[in-house]
Amino acid sequence: WKAGHVPLISWQPFGQQSNETSETIE
């Protein structure tokens, strides 16, 4: 933001260990 850009946050619902995220996370 301070650099002059509006952030576009790609919010990925991964767990703390992304490769162990449940297949039913949704």
mmCIF file of all heavy atoms, coordinates in Angstrom:
data_MODEL
# 
_entry.id   MODEL 
# 
loop_
_atom_site.group_PDB 
_atom_site.id 
_atom_site.type_symbol 
_atom_site.label_atom_id 
_atom_site.label_alt_id 
_atom_site.label_comp_id 
_atom_site.label_asym_id 
_atom_site.label_entity_id 
_atom_site.label_seq_id 
_atom_site.pdbx_PDB_ins_code 
_atom_site.Cartn_x 
_atom_site.Cartn_y 
_atom_site.Cartn_z 
_atom_site.occupancy 
_atom_site.B_iso_or_equiv 
_atom_site.pdbx_formal_charge 
_atom_site.auth_seq_id 
_atom_site.auth_comp_id 
_atom_site.auth_asym_id 
_atom_site.auth_atom_id 
_atom_site.pdbx_PDB_model_num 
ATOM 1   N N   . TRP A 1 1  ? 0.828   -1.212  0.000  1.00 0.00 ? 1  TRP A N   1 
ATOM 2   C CA  . TRP A 1 1  ? 0.000   0.000   0.000  1.00 0.00 ? 1  TRP A CA  1 
ATOM 3   C C   . TRP A 1 1  ? 0.861   1.260   0.000  1.00 0.00 ? 1  TRP A C   1 
ATOM 4   O O   . TRP A 1 1  ? 0.615   2.201   -0.765 1.00 0.00 ? 1  TRP A O   1 
ATOM 5   C CB  . TRP A 1 1  ? -0.926  0.002   1.217  1.00 0.00 ? 1  TRP A CB  1 
ATOM 6   C CG  . TRP A 1 1  ? -1.783  1.227   1.263  1.00 0.00 ? 1  TRP A CG  1 
ATOM 7   C CD1 . TRP A 1 1  ? -1.517  2.399   1.909  1.00 0.00 ? 1  TRP A CD1 1 
ATOM 8   C CD2 . TRP A 1 1  ? -3.015  1.435   0.575  1.00 0.00 ? 1  TRP A CD2 1 
ATOM 9   N NE1 . TRP A 1 1  ? -2.514  3.307   1.689  1.00 0.00 ? 1  TRP A NE1 1 
ATOM 10  C CE2 . TRP A 1 1  ? -3.448  2.741   0.871  1.00 0.00 ? 1  TRP A CE2 1 
ATOM 11  C CE3 . TRP A 1 1  ? -3.810  0.624   -0.238 1.00 0.00 ? 1  TRP A CE3 1 
ATOM 12  C CZ2 . TRP A 1 1  ? -4.635  3.269   0.367  1.00 0.00 ? 1  TRP A CZ2 1 
ATOM 13  C CZ3 . TRP A 1 1  ? -4.990  1.147   -0.744 1.00 0.00 ? 1  TRP A CZ3 1 
ATOM 14  C CH2 . TRP A 1 1  ? -5.395  2.453   -0.440 1.00 0.00 ? 1  TRP A CH2 1 
ATOM 15  N N   . LYS A 1 2  ? 1.869   1.288   0.851  1.00 0.00 ? 2  LYS A N   1 
ATOM 16  C CA  . LYS A 1 2  ? 2.731   2.459   0.918  1.00 0.00 ? 2  LYS A CA  1 
ATOM 17  C C   . LYS A 1 2  ? 3.464   2.701   -0.397 1.00 0.00 ? 2  LYS A C   1 
ATOM 18  O O   . LYS A 1 2  ? 3.813   3.840   -0.714 1.00 0.00 ? 2  LYS A O   1 
ATOM 19  C CB  . LYS A 1 2  ? 3.744   2.308   2.054  1.00 0.00 ? 2  LYS A CB  1 
ATOM 20  C CG  . LYS A 1 2  ? 3.145   2.469   3.445  1.00 0.00 ? 2  LYS A CG  1 
ATOM 21  C CD  . LYS A 1 2  ? 4.229   2.350   4.502  1.00 0.00 ? 2  LYS A CD  1 
ATOM 22  C CE  . LYS A 1 2  ? 3.671   2.603   5.894  1.00 0.00 ? 2  LYS A CE  1 
ATOM 23  N NZ  . LYS A 1 2  ? 4.722   2.498   6.935  1.00 0.00 ? 2  LYS A NZ  1 
ATOM 24  N N   . ALA A 1 3  ? 3.710   1.638   -1.143 1.00 0.00 ? 3  ALA A N   1 
ATOM 25  C CA  . ALA A 1 3  ? 4.355   1.780   -2.452 1.00 0.00 ? 3  ALA A CA  1 
ATOM 26  C C   . ALA A 1 3  ? 3.402   2.321   -3.503 1.00 0.00 ? 3  ALA A C   1 
ATOM 27  O O   . ALA A 1 3  ? 3.822   2.595   -4.628 1.00 0.00 ? 3  ALA A O   1 
ATOM 28  C CB  . ALA A 1 3  ? 4.930   0.435   -2.897 1.00 0.00 ? 3  ALA A CB  1 
ATOM 29  N N   . GLY A 1 4  ? 2.114   2.471   -3.158 1.00 0.00 ? 4  GLY A N   1 
ATOM 30  C CA  . GLY A 1 4  ? 1.169   3.119   -4.057 1.00 0.00 ? 4  GLY A CA  1 
ATOM 31  C C   . GLY A 1 4  ? 0.296   2.200   -4.866 1.00 0.00 ? 4  GLY A C   1 
ATOM 32  O O   . GLY A 1 4  ? -0.171  2.580   -5.945 1.00 0.00 ? 4  GLY A O   1 
ATOM 33  N N   . HIS A 1 5  ? 0.013   0.981   -4.343 1.00 0.00 ? 5  HIS A N   1 
ATOM 34  C CA  . HIS A 1 5  ? -0.807  0.019   -5.071 1.00 0.00 ? 5  HIS A CA  1 
ATOM 35  C C   . HIS A 1 5  ? -1.921  -0.513  -4.165 1.00 0.00 ? 5  HIS A C   1 
ATOM 36  O O   . HIS A 1 5  ? -1.702  -0.737  -2.968 1.00 0.00 ? 5  HIS A O   1 
ATOM 37  C CB  . HIS A 1 5  ? 0.032   -1.172  -5.541 1.00 0.00 ? 5  HIS A CB  1 
ATOM 38  C CG  . HIS A 1 5  ? 1.331   -0.790  -6.170 1.00 0.00 ? 5  HIS A CG  1 
ATOM 39  N ND1 . HIS A 1 5  ? 1.447   -0.411  -7.480 1.00 0.00 ? 5  HIS A ND1 1 
ATOM 40  C CD2 . HIS A 1 5  ? 2.589   -0.710  -5.644 1.00 0.00 ? 5  HIS A CD2 1 
ATOM 41  C CE1 . HIS A 1 5  ? 2.714   -0.130  -7.752 1.00 0.00 ? 5  HIS A CE1 1 
ATOM 42  N NE2 . HIS A 1 5  ? 3.421   -0.287  -6.646 1.00 0.00 ? 5  HIS A NE2 1 
ATOM 43  N N   . VAL A 1 6  ? -3.090  -0.743  -4.731 1.00 0.00 ? 6  VAL A N   1 
ATOM 44  C CA  . VAL A 1 6  ? -4.168  -1.401  -3.998 1.00 0.00 ? 6  VAL A CA  1 
ATOM 45  C C   . VAL A 1 6  ? -3.882  -2.902  -4.000 1.00 0.00 ? 6  VAL A C   1 
ATOM 46  O O   . VAL A 1 6  ? -3.762  -3.507  -5.072 1.00 0.00 ? 6  VAL A O   1 
ATOM 47  C CB  . VAL A 1 6  ? -5.539  -1.123  -4.637 1.00 0.00 ? 6  VAL A CB  1 
ATOM 48  C CG1 . VAL A 1 6  ? -6.634  -1.878  -3.896 1.00 0.00 ? 6  VAL A CG1 1 
ATOM 49  C CG2 . VAL A 1 6  ? -5.831  0.378   -4.659 1.00 0.00 ? 6  VAL A CG2 1 
ATOM 50  N N   . PRO A 1 7  ? -3.753  -3.535  -2.831 1.00 0.00 ? 7  PRO A N   1 
ATOM 51  C CA  . PRO A 1 7  ? -3.461  -4.968  -2.810 1.00 0.00 ? 7  PRO A CA  1 
ATOM 52  C C   . PRO A 1 7  ? -4.660  -5.800  -3.275 1.00 0.00 ? 7  PRO A C   1 
ATOM 53  O O   . PRO A 1 7  ? -5.810  -5.481  -2.973 1.00 0.00 ? 7  PRO A O   1 
ATOM 54  C CB  . PRO A 1 7  ? -3.153  -5.253  -1.335 1.00 0.00 ? 7  PRO A CB  1 
ATOM 55  C CG  . PRO A 1 7  ? -2.929  -3.924  -0.704 1.00 0.00 ? 7  PRO A CG  1 
ATOM 56  C CD  . PRO A 1 7  ? -3.754  -2.947  -1.479 1.00 0.00 ? 7  PRO A CD  1 
ATOM 57  N N   . LEU A 1 8  ? -4.360  -6.859  -3.998 1.00 0.00 ? 8  LEU A N   1 
ATOM 58  C CA  . LEU A 1 8  ? -5.342  -7.892  -4.324 1.00 0.00 ? 8  LEU A CA  1 
ATOM 59  C C   . LEU A 1 8  ? -4.888  -9.148  -3.592 1.00 0.00 ? 8  LEU A C   1 
ATOM 60  O O   . LEU A 1 8  ? -3.898  -9.774  -3.973 1.00 0.00 ? 8  LEU A O   1 
ATOM 61  C CB  . LEU A 1 8  ? -5.423  -8.128  -5.836 1.00 0.00 ? 8  LEU A CB  1 
ATOM 62  C CG  . LEU A 1 8  ? -6.577  -8.985  -6.365 1.00 0.00 ? 8  LEU A CG  1 
ATOM 63  C CD1 . LEU A 1 8  ? -6.772  -8.754  -7.868 1.00 0.00 ? 8  LEU A CD1 1 
ATOM 64  C CD2 . LEU A 1 8  ? -6.373  -10.479 -6.116 1.00 0.00 ? 8  LEU A CD2 1 
ATOM 65  N N   . ILE A 1 9  ? -5.590  -9.487  -2.517 1.00 0.00 ? 9  ILE A N   1 
ATOM 66  C CA  . ILE A 1 9  ? -5.184  -10.592 -1.649 1.00 0.00 ? 9  ILE A CA  1 
ATOM 67  C C   . ILE A 1 9  ? -5.776  -11.895 -2.172 1.00 0.00 ? 9  ILE A C   1 
ATOM 68  O O   . ILE A 1 9  ? -6.997  -12.078 -2.183 1.00 0.00 ? 9  ILE A O   1 
ATOM 69  C CB  . ILE A 1 9  ? -5.650  -10.359 -0.202 1.00 0.00 ? 9  ILE A CB  1 
ATOM 70  C CG1 . ILE A 1 9  ? -5.086  -9.048  0.353  1.00 0.00 ? 9  ILE A CG1 1 
ATOM 71  C CG2 . ILE A 1 9  ? -5.257  -11.528 0.678  1.00 0.00 ? 9  ILE A CG2 1 
ATOM 72  C CD1 . ILE A 1 9  ? -5.664  -8.662  1.710  1.00 0.00 ? 9  ILE A CD1 1 
ATOM 73  N N   . SER A 1 10 ? -4.904  -12.796 -2.609 1.00 0.00 ? 10 SER A N   1 
ATOM 74  C CA  . SER A 1 10 ? -5.328  -14.144 -2.986 1.00 0.00 ? 10 SER A CA  1 
ATOM 75  C C   . SER A 1 10 ? -5.263  -14.996 -1.720 1.00 0.00 ? 10 SER A C   1 
ATOM 76  O O   . SER A 1 10 ? -4.200  -15.472 -1.320 1.00 0.00 ? 10 SER A O   1 
ATOM 77  C CB  . SER A 1 10 ? -4.426  -14.707 -4.082 1.00 0.00 ? 10 SER A CB  1 
ATOM 78  O OG  . SER A 1 10 ? -4.519  -13.930 -5.253 1.00 0.00 ? 10 SER A OG  1 
ATOM 79  N N   . TRP A 1 11 ? -6.423  -15.178 -1.098 1.00 0.00 ? 11 TRP A N   1 
ATOM 80  C CA  . TRP A 1 11 ? -6.545  -15.801 0.227  1.00 0.00 ? 11 TRP A CA  1 
ATOM 81  C C   . TRP A 1 11 ? -6.738  -17.297 0.025  1.00 0.00 ? 11 TRP A C   1 
ATOM 82  O O   . TRP A 1 11 ? -7.808  -17.746 -0.365 1.00 0.00 ? 11 TRP A O   1 
ATOM 83  C CB  . TRP A 1 11 ? -7.722  -15.155 0.956  1.00 0.00 ? 11 TRP A CB  1 
ATOM 84  C CG  . TRP A 1 11 ? -7.900  -15.451 2.404  1.00 0.00 ? 11 TRP A CG  1 
ATOM 85  C CD1 . TRP A 1 11 ? -7.350  -14.785 3.460  1.00 0.00 ? 11 TRP A CD1 1 
ATOM 86  C CD2 . TRP A 1 11 ? -8.762  -16.453 2.971  1.00 0.00 ? 11 TRP A CD2 1 
ATOM 87  N NE1 . TRP A 1 11 ? -7.801  -15.313 4.648  1.00 0.00 ? 11 TRP A NE1 1 
ATOM 88  C CE2 . TRP A 1 11 ? -8.665  -16.333 4.372  1.00 0.00 ? 11 TRP A CE2 1 
ATOM 89  C CE3 . TRP A 1 11 ? -9.585  -17.441 2.428  1.00 0.00 ? 11 TRP A CE3 1 
ATOM 90  C CZ2 . TRP A 1 11 ? -9.368  -17.166 5.236  1.00 0.00 ? 11 TRP A CZ2 1 
ATOM 91  C CZ3 . TRP A 1 11 ? -10.289 -18.274 3.282  1.00 0.00 ? 11 TRP A CZ3 1 
ATOM 92  C CH2 . TRP A 1 11 ? -10.180 -18.135 4.677  1.00 0.00 ? 11 TRP A CH2 1 
ATOM 93  N N   . GLN A 1 12 ? -5.677  -18.057 0.287  1.00 0.00 ? 12 GLN A N   1 
ATOM 94  C CA  . GLN A 1 12 ? -5.687  -19.495 0.022  1.00 0.00 ? 12 GLN A CA  1 
ATOM 95  C C   . GLN A 1 12 ? -5.967  -20.257 1.314  1.00 0.00 ? 12 GLN A C   1 
ATOM 96  O O   . GLN A 1 12 ? -5.136  -20.209 2.234  1.00 0.00 ? 12 GLN A O   1 
ATOM 97  C CB  . GLN A 1 12 ? -4.339  -19.925 -0.562 1.00 0.00 ? 12 GLN A CB  1 
ATOM 98  C CG  . GLN A 1 12 ? -3.964  -19.153 -1.829 1.00 0.00 ? 12 GLN A CG  1 
ATOM 99  C CD  . GLN A 1 12 ? -2.591  -19.531 -2.354 1.00 0.00 ? 12 GLN A CD  1 
ATOM 100 O OE1 . GLN A 1 12 ? -2.466  -19.994 -3.479 1.00 0.00 ? 12 GLN A OE1 1 
ATOM 101 N NE2 . GLN A 1 12 ? -1.557  -19.347 -1.554 1.00 0.00 ? 12 GLN A NE2 1 
ATOM 102 N N   . PRO A 1 13 ? -7.088  -20.974 1.416  1.00 0.00 ? 13 PRO A N   1 
ATOM 103 C CA  . PRO A 1 13 ? -7.419  -21.661 2.669  1.00 0.00 ? 13 PRO A CA  1 
ATOM 104 C C   . PRO A 1 13 ? -6.614  -22.942 2.880  1.00 0.00 ? 13 PRO A C   1 
ATOM 105 O O   . PRO A 1 13 ? -7.163  -24.044 2.981  1.00 0.00 ? 13 PRO A O   1 
ATOM 106 C CB  . PRO A 1 13 ? -8.916  -21.938 2.537  1.00 0.00 ? 13 PRO A CB  1 
ATOM 107 C CG  . PRO A 1 13 ? -9.177  -21.978 1.073  1.00 0.00 ? 13 PRO A CG  1 
ATOM 108 C CD  . PRO A 1 13 ? -8.206  -21.017 0.451  1.00 0.00 ? 13 PRO A CD  1 
ATOM 109 N N   . PHE A 1 14 ? -5.285  -22.782 2.950  1.00 0.00 ? 14 PHE A N   1 
ATOM 110 C CA  . PHE A 1 14 ? -4.393  -23.868 3.307  1.00 0.00 ? 14 PHE A CA  1 
ATOM 111 C C   . PHE A 1 14 ? -4.181  -23.875 4.807  1.00 0.00 ? 14 PHE A C   1 
ATOM 112 O O   . PHE A 1 14 ? -4.176  -22.828 5.454  1.00 0.00 ? 14 PHE A O   1 
ATOM 113 C CB  . PHE A 1 14 ? -3.021  -23.680 2.639  1.00 0.00 ? 14 PHE A CB  1 
ATOM 114 C CG  . PHE A 1 14 ? -2.982  -23.987 1.166  1.00 0.00 ? 14 PHE A CG  1 
ATOM 115 C CD1 . PHE A 1 14 ? -2.544  -23.033 0.268  1.00 0.00 ? 14 PHE A CD1 1 
ATOM 116 C CD2 . PHE A 1 14 ? -3.354  -25.232 0.677  1.00 0.00 ? 14 PHE A CD2 1 
ATOM 117 C CE1 . PHE A 1 14 ? -2.485  -23.307 -1.085 1.00 0.00 ? 14 PHE A CE1 1 
ATOM 118 C CE2 . PHE A 1 14 ? -3.296  -25.516 -0.672 1.00 0.00 ? 14 PHE A CE2 1 
ATOM 119 C CZ  . PHE A 1 14 ? -2.862  -24.554 -1.561 1.00 0.00 ? 14 PHE A CZ  1 
ATOM 120 N N   . GLY A 1 15 ? -3.924  -25.069 5.338  1.00 0.00 ? 15 GLY A N   1 
ATOM 121 C CA  . GLY A 1 15 ? -3.511  -25.183 6.716  1.00 0.00 ? 15 GLY A CA  1 
ATOM 122 C C   . GLY A 1 15 ? -2.065  -24.757 6.886  1.00 0.00 ? 15 GLY A C   1 
ATOM 123 O O   . GLY A 1 15 ? -1.383  -24.368 5.921  1.00 0.00 ? 15 GLY A O   1 
ATOM 124 N N   . GLN A 1 16 ? -1.570  -24.865 8.120  1.00 0.00 ? 16 GLN A N   1 
ATOM 125 C CA  . GLN A 1 16 ? -0.201  -24.433 8.401  1.00 0.00 ? 16 GLN A CA  1 
ATOM 126 C C   . GLN A 1 16 ? 0.800   -25.231 7.576  1.00 0.00 ? 16 GLN A C   1 
ATOM 127 O O   . GLN A 1 16 ? 1.821   -24.707 7.147  1.00 0.00 ? 16 GLN A O   1 
ATOM 128 C CB  . GLN A 1 16 ? 0.084   -24.567 9.897  1.00 0.00 ? 16 GLN A CB  1 
ATOM 129 C CG  . GLN A 1 16 ? 1.305   -23.803 10.350 1.00 0.00 ? 16 GLN A CG  1 
ATOM 130 C CD  . GLN A 1 16 ? 1.323   -23.599 11.848 1.00 0.00 ? 16 GLN A CD  1 
ATOM 131 O OE1 . GLN A 1 16 ? 0.368   -23.921 12.545 1.00 0.00 ? 16 GLN A OE1 1 
ATOM 132 N NE2 . GLN A 1 16 ? 2.413   -23.063 12.365 1.00 0.00 ? 16 GLN A NE2 1 
ATOM 133 N N   . GLN A 1 17 ? 0.517   -26.506 7.330  1.00 0.00 ? 17 GLN A N   1 
ATOM 134 C CA  . GLN A 1 17 ? 1.271   -27.318 6.388  1.00 0.00 ? 17 GLN A CA  1 
ATOM 135 C C   . GLN A 1 17 ? 0.389   -27.484 5.154  1.00 0.00 ? 17 GLN A C   1 
ATOM 136 O O   . GLN A 1 17 ? -0.528  -28.296 5.138  1.00 0.00 ? 17 GLN A O   1 
ATOM 137 C CB  . GLN A 1 17 ? 1.618   -28.679 6.998  1.00 0.00 ? 17 GLN A CB  1 
ATOM 138 C CG  . GLN A 1 17 ? 2.476   -28.602 8.247  1.00 0.00 ? 17 GLN A CG  1 
ATOM 139 C CD  . GLN A 1 17 ? 3.849   -28.000 7.959  1.00 0.00 ? 17 GLN A CD  1 
ATOM 140 O OE1 . GLN A 1 17 ? 4.452   -28.254 6.916  1.00 0.00 ? 17 GLN A OE1 1 
ATOM 141 N NE2 . GLN A 1 17 ? 4.346   -27.187 8.892  1.00 0.00 ? 17 GLN A NE2 1 
ATOM 142 N N   . SER A 1 18 ? 0.671   -26.694 4.108  1.00 0.00 ? 18 SER A N   1 
ATOM 143 C CA  . SER A 1 18 ? -0.274  -26.604 2.998  1.00 0.00 ? 18 SER A CA  1 
ATOM 144 C C   . SER A 1 18 ? -0.527  -27.939 2.330  1.00 0.00 ? 18 SER A C   1 
ATOM 145 O O   . SER A 1 18 ? -1.650  -28.232 1.904  1.00 0.00 ? 18 SER A O   1 
ATOM 146 C CB  . SER A 1 18 ? 0.210   -25.587 1.967  1.00 0.00 ? 18 SER A CB  1 
ATOM 147 O OG  . SER A 1 18 ? 1.463   -25.967 1.439  1.00 0.00 ? 18 SER A OG  1 
ATOM 148 N N   . ASN A 1 19 ? 0.505   -28.802 2.245  1.00 0.00 ? 19 ASN A N   1 
ATOM 149 C CA  . ASN A 1 19 ? 0.311   -30.076 1.558  1.00 0.00 ? 19 ASN A CA  1 
ATOM 150 C C   . ASN A 1 19 ? -0.466  -31.081 2.394  1.00 0.00 ? 19 ASN A C   1 
ATOM 151 O O   . ASN A 1 19 ? -0.764  -32.187 1.931  1.00 0.00 ? 19 ASN A O   1 
ATOM 152 C CB  . ASN A 1 19 ? 1.663   -30.661 1.139  1.00 0.00 ? 19 ASN A CB  1 
ATOM 153 C CG  . ASN A 1 19 ? 2.582   -30.925 2.321  1.00 0.00 ? 19 ASN A CG  1 
ATOM 154 O OD1 . ASN A 1 19 ? 2.287   -30.516 3.441  1.00 0.00 ? 19 ASN A OD1 1 
ATOM 155 N ND2 . ASN A 1 19 ? 3.693   -31.593 2.062  1.00 0.00 ? 19 ASN A ND2 1 
ATOM 156 N N   . GLU A 1 20 ? -0.799  -30.717 3.625  1.00 0.00 ? 20 GLU A N   1 
ATOM 157 C CA  . GLU A 1 20 ? -1.613  -31.580 4.476  1.00 0.00 ? 20 GLU A CA  1 
ATOM 158 C C   . GLU A 1 20 ? -3.031  -31.042 4.653  1.00 0.00 ? 20 GLU A C   1 
ATOM 159 O O   . GLU A 1 20 ? -3.796  -31.546 5.473  1.00 0.00 ? 20 GLU A O   1 
ATOM 160 C CB  . GLU A 1 20 ? -0.938  -31.748 5.844  1.00 0.00 ? 20 GLU A CB  1 
ATOM 161 C CG  . GLU A 1 20 ? 0.430   -32.422 5.763  1.00 0.00 ? 20 GLU A CG  1 
ATOM 162 C CD  . GLU A 1 20 ? 1.121   -32.509 7.115  1.00 0.00 ? 20 GLU A CD  1 
ATOM 163 O OE1 . GLU A 1 20 ? 0.490   -32.115 8.121  1.00 0.00 ? 20 GLU A OE1 1 
ATOM 164 O OE2 . GLU A 1 20 ? 2.278   -32.962 7.152  1.00 0.00 ? 20 GLU A OE2 1 
ATOM 165 N N   . THR A 1 21 ? -3.396  -30.050 3.868  1.00 0.00 ? 21 THR A N   1 
ATOM 166 C CA  . THR A 1 21 ? -4.736  -29.462 3.980  1.00 0.00 ? 21 THR A CA  1 
ATOM 167 C C   . THR A 1 21 ? -5.790  -30.494 3.589  1.00 0.00 ? 21 THR A C   1 
ATOM 168 O O   . THR A 1 21 ? -5.652  -31.197 2.592  1.00 0.00 ? 21 THR A O   1 
ATOM 169 C CB  . THR A 1 21 ? -4.848  -28.230 3.067  1.00 0.00 ? 21 THR A CB  1 
ATOM 170 O OG1 . THR A 1 21 ? -3.853  -27.288 3.444  1.00 0.00 ? 21 THR A OG1 1 
ATOM 171 C CG2 . THR A 1 21 ? -6.227  -27.585 3.180  1.00 0.00 ? 21 THR A CG2 1 
ATOM 172 N N   . SER A 1 22 ? -6.851  -30.555 4.368  1.00 0.00 ? 22 SER A N   1 
ATOM 173 C CA  . SER A 1 22 ? -7.922  -31.521 4.124  1.00 0.00 ? 22 SER A CA  1 
ATOM 174 C C   . SER A 1 22 ? -8.572  -31.293 2.776  1.00 0.00 ? 22 SER A C   1 
ATOM 175 O O   . SER A 1 22 ? -8.751  -30.159 2.326  1.00 0.00 ? 22 SER A O   1 
ATOM 176 C CB  . SER A 1 22 ? -8.978  -31.395 5.228  1.00 0.00 ? 22 SER A CB  1 
ATOM 177 O OG  . SER A 1 22 ? -10.145 -32.115 4.877  1.00 0.00 ? 22 SER A OG  1 
ATOM 178 N N   . GLU A 1 23 ? -8.974  -32.403 2.133  1.00 0.00 ? 23 GLU A N   1 
ATOM 179 C CA  . GLU A 1 23 ? -9.696  -32.303 0.869  1.00 0.00 ? 23 GLU A CA  1 
ATOM 180 C C   . GLU A 1 23 ? -11.137 -31.840 1.066  1.00 0.00 ? 23 GLU A C   1 
ATOM 181 O O   . GLU A 1 23 ? -11.853 -31.599 0.094  1.00 0.00 ? 23 GLU A O   1 
ATOM 182 C CB  . GLU A 1 23 ? -9.691  -33.657 0.146  1.00 0.00 ? 23 GLU A CB  1 
ATOM 183 C CG  . GLU A 1 23 ? -8.310  -34.239 -0.075 1.00 0.00 ? 23 GLU A CG  1 
ATOM 184 C CD  . GLU A 1 23 ? -7.373  -33.304 -0.810 1.00 0.00 ? 23 GLU A CD  1 
ATOM 185 O OE1 . GLU A 1 23 ? -7.873  -32.422 -1.528 1.00 0.00 ? 23 GLU A OE1 1 
ATOM 186 O OE2 . GLU A 1 23 ? -6.155  -33.450 -0.668 1.00 0.00 ? 23 GLU A OE2 1 
ATOM 187 N N   . THR A 1 24 ? -11.549 -31.723 2.305  1.00 0.00 ? 24 THR A N   1 
ATOM 188 C CA  . THR A 1 24 ? -12.884 -31.182 2.597  1.00 0.00 ? 24 THR A CA  1 
ATOM 189 C C   . THR A 1 24 ? -12.772 -29.881 3.381  1.00 0.00 ? 24 THR A C   1 
ATOM 190 O O   . THR A 1 24 ? -13.633 -29.557 4.195  1.00 0.00 ? 24 THR A O   1 
ATOM 191 C CB  . THR A 1 24 ? -13.733 -32.211 3.384  1.00 0.00 ? 24 THR A CB  1 
ATOM 192 O OG1 . THR A 1 24 ? -13.028 -32.574 4.585  1.00 0.00 ? 24 THR A OG1 1 
ATOM 193 C CG2 . THR A 1 24 ? -13.996 -33.450 2.548  1.00 0.00 ? 24 THR A CG2 1 
ATOM 194 N N   . ILE A 1 25 ? -11.707 -29.123 3.117  1.00 0.00 ? 25 ILE A N   1 
ATOM 195 C CA  . ILE A 1 25 ? -11.504 -27.867 3.841  1.00 0.00 ? 25 ILE A CA  1 
ATOM 196 C C   . ILE A 1 25 ? -12.679 -26.922 3.657  1.00 0.00 ? 25 ILE A C   1 
ATOM 197 O O   . ILE A 1 25 ? -13.093 -26.226 4.584  1.00 0.00 ? 25 ILE A O   1 
ATOM 198 C CB  . ILE A 1 25 ? -10.179 -27.191 3.399  1.00 0.00 ? 25 ILE A CB  1 
ATOM 199 C CG1 . ILE A 1 25 ? -9.911  -25.926 4.211  1.00 0.00 ? 25 ILE A CG1 1 
ATOM 200 C CG2 . ILE A 1 25 ? -10.166 -26.887 1.912  1.00 0.00 ? 25 ILE A CG2 1 
ATOM 201 C CD1 . ILE A 1 25 ? -9.684  -26.150 5.684  1.00 0.00 ? 25 ILE A CD1 1 
ATOM 202 N N   . GLU A 1 26 ? -13.257 -26.897 2.446  1.00 0.00 ? 26 GLU A N   1 
ATOM 203 C CA  . GLU A 1 26 ? -14.383 -25.996 2.216  1.00 0.00 ? 26 GLU A CA  1 
ATOM 204 C C   . GLU A 1 26 ? -15.594 -26.367 3.068  1.00 0.00 ? 26 GLU A C   1 
ATOM 205 O O   . GLU A 1 26 ? -16.338 -25.512 3.527  1.00 0.00 ? 26 GLU A O   1 
ATOM 206 C CB  . GLU A 1 26 ? -14.739 -25.939 0.724  1.00 0.00 ? 26 GLU A CB  1 
ATOM 207 C CG  . GLU A 1 26 ? -15.174 -27.242 0.091  1.00 0.00 ? 26 GLU A CG  1 
ATOM 208 C CD  . GLU A 1 26 ? -14.033 -28.059 -0.479 1.00 0.00 ? 26 GLU A CD  1 
ATOM 209 O OE1 . GLU A 1 26 ? -13.111 -28.402 0.294  1.00 0.00 ? 26 GLU A OE1 1 
ATOM 210 O OE2 . GLU A 1 26 ? -14.070 -28.383 -1.673 1.00 0.00 ? 26 GLU A OE2 1 
# 
